[in-house]
Protein backbone atom coordinates (compact mmCIF):
# COMPACT_ATOMS: atom_id res chain seq x y z
CA MET A 1 123.29 161.40 152.29
CA ILE A 2 119.18 161.52 150.97
CA PRO A 3 117.65 160.52 154.15
CA CYS A 4 116.36 157.11 154.35
CA THR A 5 112.64 158.43 153.81
CA GLU A 6 112.69 160.80 151.55
CA GLU A 7 114.68 158.03 149.35
CA ALA A 8 111.63 155.45 150.84
CA GLN A 9 109.56 158.19 149.39
CA ARG A 10 110.81 158.42 145.53
CA LEU A 11 110.98 154.94 145.54
CA LEU A 12 106.65 154.57 146.29
CA ARG A 13 105.23 157.27 143.87
CA LEU A 14 107.88 155.38 140.98
CA ALA A 15 106.27 152.30 142.36
CA GLU A 16 102.14 154.68 142.22
CA ARG A 17 103.64 155.77 138.85
CA ASP A 18 104.23 151.71 137.42
CA CYS A 19 100.71 151.31 139.58
CA ARG A 20 99.31 153.78 137.29
CA SER A 21 101.19 152.02 134.17
CA PHE A 22 99.96 148.56 135.21
CA SER A 23 95.86 150.05 135.83
CA ILE A 24 95.82 151.81 132.35
CA LEU A 25 97.14 148.92 130.25
CA ALA A 26 94.64 146.45 132.97
CA ASN A 27 92.15 148.07 131.66
CA HIS A 28 92.82 148.37 127.85
CA PRO A 29 91.64 146.11 125.58
CA ASP A 30 94.35 145.76 122.56
CA ALA A 31 97.25 146.16 125.81
CA ASP A 32 98.68 142.63 126.41
CA ALA A 33 98.81 140.88 129.29
CA GLY A 34 102.34 140.22 129.78
CA ALA A 35 103.16 144.38 128.98
CA ALA A 36 100.86 145.09 131.83
CA CYS A 37 102.02 142.80 134.44
CA PHE A 38 105.87 143.64 134.36
CA HIS A 39 104.09 146.87 135.56
CA ALA A 40 102.46 145.15 138.44
CA GLN A 41 105.38 143.71 139.17
CA GLN A 42 107.46 146.77 138.77
CA SER A 43 105.45 148.90 141.71
CA VAL A 44 105.80 145.06 144.24
CA GLU A 45 109.13 145.63 143.72
CA LYS A 46 109.79 149.37 144.20
CA SER A 47 107.00 148.92 147.01
CA LEU A 48 109.76 146.19 148.62
CA LYS A 49 112.60 148.58 147.89
CA ALA A 50 110.94 151.37 149.47
CA VAL A 51 110.44 149.53 152.82
CA LEU A 52 113.78 148.38 153.01
CA THR A 53 115.27 151.46 152.21
CA LEU A 54 113.51 153.35 155.15
CA HIS A 55 115.05 150.02 157.18
CA GLN A 56 118.49 150.35 155.71
CA VAL A 57 118.73 147.18 155.18
CA ASP A 58 120.94 146.91 151.62
CA PHE A 59 119.86 144.92 148.88
CA PRO A 60 121.26 143.24 145.92
CA ARG A 61 121.06 144.73 142.49
CA THR A 62 117.26 142.32 141.55
CA HIS A 63 113.82 142.44 140.50
CA ASN A 64 113.00 138.90 142.80
CA LEU A 65 110.65 139.82 144.86
CA GLU A 66 110.43 136.04 147.11
CA ALA A 67 114.06 137.93 147.71
CA LEU A 68 113.19 141.29 148.57
CA GLY A 69 109.66 139.43 150.39
CA ARG A 70 111.90 137.23 152.74
CA LEU A 71 114.46 140.43 153.23
CA VAL A 72 111.59 142.08 154.68
CA VAL A 73 110.11 139.41 156.81
CA ASP A 74 113.65 138.70 157.95
CA LEU A 75 113.05 142.23 159.70
CA GLY A 76 110.16 141.21 161.30
CA ILE A 77 107.92 142.01 159.62
CA ALA A 78 105.08 140.69 157.85
CA THR A 79 104.55 141.78 153.83
CA PRO A 80 100.99 141.75 152.60
CA LEU A 81 101.70 138.85 150.60
CA THR A 82 103.21 135.32 150.93
CA LEU A 83 106.04 134.87 149.27
CA ARG A 84 104.97 131.75 147.13
CA ASP A 85 102.41 134.63 146.11
CA LEU A 86 105.46 137.58 145.93
CA ARG A 87 107.09 134.77 142.66
CA ARG A 88 104.39 134.73 141.03
CA LEU A 89 105.16 138.08 139.12
CA ASN A 90 108.87 137.16 138.61
CA PRO A 91 108.76 135.98 135.66
CA TYR A 92 107.29 139.44 134.03
CA ALA A 93 110.04 141.30 135.27
CA VAL A 94 112.80 140.03 132.89
CA ASP A 95 111.38 136.66 131.19
CA PHE A 96 108.50 137.74 129.26
CA ARG A 97 109.23 140.89 128.21
CA TYR A 98 111.53 139.37 125.88
CA ASP A 99 109.21 136.33 124.60
CA ASP A 100 106.37 137.03 122.39
CA GLN A 101 104.61 133.59 123.79
CA LEU A 102 103.30 134.82 127.57
CA ILE A 103 102.33 131.89 129.63
CA GLN A 104 99.06 133.85 132.07
CA LEU A 105 100.58 133.14 134.91
CA ILE A 106 98.39 135.85 136.83
CA SER A 107 95.13 137.40 136.35
CA LEU A 108 94.20 140.90 135.50
CA PRO A 109 92.51 141.56 138.14
CA GLU A 110 94.82 138.99 141.21
CA ALA A 111 97.66 141.56 139.69
CA ASP A 112 96.11 144.41 140.80
CA ALA A 113 94.32 143.33 143.59
CA MET A 114 98.23 142.45 144.58
CA VAL A 115 100.19 145.73 143.08
CA LEU A 116 97.23 147.74 145.51
CA LEU A 117 97.88 145.73 148.46
CA VAL A 118 101.50 146.07 148.43
CA LEU A 119 101.35 149.37 147.60
CA ASP A 120 98.96 150.45 150.14
CA TRP A 121 100.81 148.35 152.99
CA ALA A 122 104.67 150.13 151.79
CA LYS A 123 103.00 153.30 152.07
CA ALA A 124 101.41 153.30 155.36
CA LEU A 125 105.01 152.17 156.89
CA VAL A 126 106.53 154.65 155.41
CA SER A 127 104.29 156.95 156.39
CA LEU A 128 104.68 156.13 159.97
CA ALA A 129 108.39 156.71 159.76
CA PRO A 130 109.29 160.01 161.36
CA VAL A 131 109.50 162.64 158.69
CA GLY A 132 114.04 163.35 157.79
CA ALA A 133 114.36 159.51 159.30
CA SER A 134 118.11 159.06 157.71
CA GLY A 135 119.04 156.98 160.06
CA GLU A 136 121.86 158.77 161.40
CA SER A 137 122.19 160.79 164.60
CA PRO A 138 120.35 164.21 164.81
CA ALA A 139 122.55 166.83 165.99
CA ASN A 140 122.00 168.65 169.27
């Protein structure tokens, strides 16, 4: 079994990769805003899943940030964004990937601030976890 901290750290590495991709696209004059926000959504999703993984929460296979955020809140952990704010990125996970008519739901600077806030929050929580924490009792 992969220890929870290791899996949470892996998810954060993937979230950082999506954050970098978002930043590159958001700053490129020819890039599509929907494509950029897809990576913003993915970074936030993986950050939330890293925190849930750290706390051994089974979560559904979903891209719904509000649902993932609610699971975090149910743990008694405050999220850095409201569930309503998280919901603003949801359409970029699926809806706008297959639609060429983009409705701008969020500005790129807003998405950037959200991504960085959630990623930093998740990294801080994971960094506080004991190294090698797996949820199993350590061998005596």
